[in-house]
Amino acid sequence: MKREYQIETKELQSWRVSEFSKTELQTLGHFYSSETYVVRWKYVVSSLGRGLKGVQQNARYCTGRERFVYFFWHGKFSKATEQGASALMTIEMDKEKGPQV
């Protein structure tokens, strides 16, 4: 049985992190080497499977649950205190208990 998967982005949020606060960004695109960021990606994985051999080849489409992952982006010249703050803030923000990369 061959399965294909489709990944669909539902939402992207990003924050610029300073030592004591975070600021949500309105647009995505450029990160600066002196700053630290956290990105939250909400996505859904759907599978498209085919029937068994010898049986009519009906395609089935199954949508999975919403999933979340958090990404850290530490600029080359960002402060170590901001990098640590981004890790702590991500733990506070992560209500879904998703992976952190």
Protein backbone atom coordinates (compact mmCIF):
# COMPACT_ATOMS: atom_id res chain seq x y z
CA MET A 1 0.00 0.00 0.00
CA LYS A 2 1.42 3.36 -1.00
CA ARG A 3 0.66 6.43 1.09
CA GLU A 4 1.30 10.02 0.33
CA TYR A 5 1.28 12.78 2.89
CA GLN A 6 0.36 16.40 2.51
CA ILE A 7 1.50 19.02 5.03
CA GLU A 8 -0.63 22.14 5.25
CA THR A 9 0.41 25.26 7.17
CA LYS A 10 -2.45 26.63 9.24
CA GLU A 11 -0.72 29.47 11.05
CA LEU A 12 2.71 31.05 11.59
CA GLN A 13 3.51 33.34 14.48
CA SER A 14 6.87 34.85 15.34
CA TRP A 15 8.28 36.90 18.18
CA ARG A 16 11.42 38.94 18.63
CA VAL A 17 12.84 38.15 22.05
CA SER A 18 14.68 40.56 24.31
CA GLU A 19 15.98 39.84 27.80
CA PHE A 20 12.72 40.63 29.59
CA SER A 21 9.98 40.65 26.95
CA LYS A 22 8.80 39.38 23.59
CA THR A 23 7.27 41.35 20.73
CA GLU A 24 5.06 39.65 18.16
CA LEU A 25 6.11 40.38 14.59
CA GLN A 26 3.45 41.43 12.10
CA THR A 27 5.35 40.24 9.05
CA LEU A 28 7.72 37.36 8.41
CA GLY A 29 10.71 37.57 6.17
CA HIS A 30 13.94 38.95 7.58
CA PHE A 31 15.72 37.99 10.76
CA TYR A 32 18.66 40.08 11.94
CA SER A 33 21.98 38.64 13.09
CA SER A 34 21.98 40.64 16.33
CA GLU A 35 18.55 39.45 17.47
CA THR A 36 16.79 36.33 18.75
CA TYR A 37 13.43 35.00 17.54
CA VAL A 38 10.87 32.29 18.28
CA VAL A 39 8.59 30.96 15.52
CA ARG A 40 5.43 28.90 16.19
CA TRP A 41 4.26 26.74 13.27
CA LYS A 42 0.75 25.26 13.36
CA TYR A 43 0.22 22.59 10.70
CA VAL A 44 -1.87 19.56 9.74
CA VAL A 45 -0.59 16.33 8.17
CA SER A 46 -3.11 14.60 5.89
CA SER A 47 -2.65 11.20 4.29
CA LEU A 48 -3.84 10.03 0.94
CA GLY A 49 -3.93 6.22 0.82
CA ARG A 50 -4.94 3.73 -1.84
CA GLY A 51 -6.92 0.51 -1.50
CA LEU A 52 -5.37 -2.94 -1.25
CA LYS A 53 -4.27 -4.91 -4.31
CA GLY A 54 -7.10 -6.79 -6.02
CA VAL A 55 -9.65 -4.39 -4.56
CA GLN A 56 -11.01 -1.40 -6.39
CA GLN A 57 -8.44 1.42 -6.19
CA ASN A 58 -10.43 3.99 -4.27
CA ALA A 59 -8.50 6.93 -2.95
CA ARG A 60 -9.05 7.82 0.68
CA TYR A 61 -8.21 11.16 2.16
CA CYS A 62 -7.68 11.39 5.90
CA THR A 63 -6.97 14.66 7.72
CA GLY A 64 -4.93 14.43 10.89
CA ARG A 65 -4.96 16.56 14.00
CA GLU A 66 -3.41 20.00 14.30
CA ARG A 67 0.23 19.93 15.35
CA PHE A 68 2.61 22.57 16.62
CA VAL A 69 6.36 23.05 16.61
CA TYR A 70 8.48 25.91 17.98
CA PHE A 71 11.69 27.05 16.30
CA PHE A 72 14.42 29.15 17.91
CA TRP A 73 16.48 31.45 15.75
CA HIS A 74 19.59 32.85 17.43
CA GLY A 75 21.43 35.41 15.38
CA LYS A 76 25.21 35.12 15.11
CA PHE A 77 25.68 38.29 17.18
CA SER A 78 22.70 37.90 19.53
CA LYS A 79 23.30 38.15 23.27
CA ALA A 80 23.56 34.97 25.32
CA THR A 81 20.96 36.40 27.74
CA GLU A 82 18.46 36.78 24.88
CA GLN A 83 19.13 33.22 23.72
CA GLY A 84 18.41 31.93 27.22
CA ALA A 85 15.32 34.11 27.50
CA SER A 86 13.97 32.68 24.23
CA ALA A 87 14.24 29.15 25.62
CA LEU A 88 12.42 30.10 28.83
CA MET A 89 9.70 32.04 26.99
CA THR A 90 9.11 29.15 24.61
CA ILE A 91 8.47 26.83 27.54
CA GLU A 92 5.94 29.35 28.91
CA MET A 93 4.23 29.78 25.51
CA ASP A 94 4.10 26.07 24.64
CA LYS A 95 0.58 25.15 25.77
CA GLU A 96 0.42 22.35 23.15
CA LYS A 97 3.57 20.58 24.39
CA GLY A 98 5.01 20.49 20.86
CA PRO A 99 8.63 19.85 19.92
CA GLN A 100 11.15 22.68 20.14
CA VAL A 101 13.85 22.94 17.50
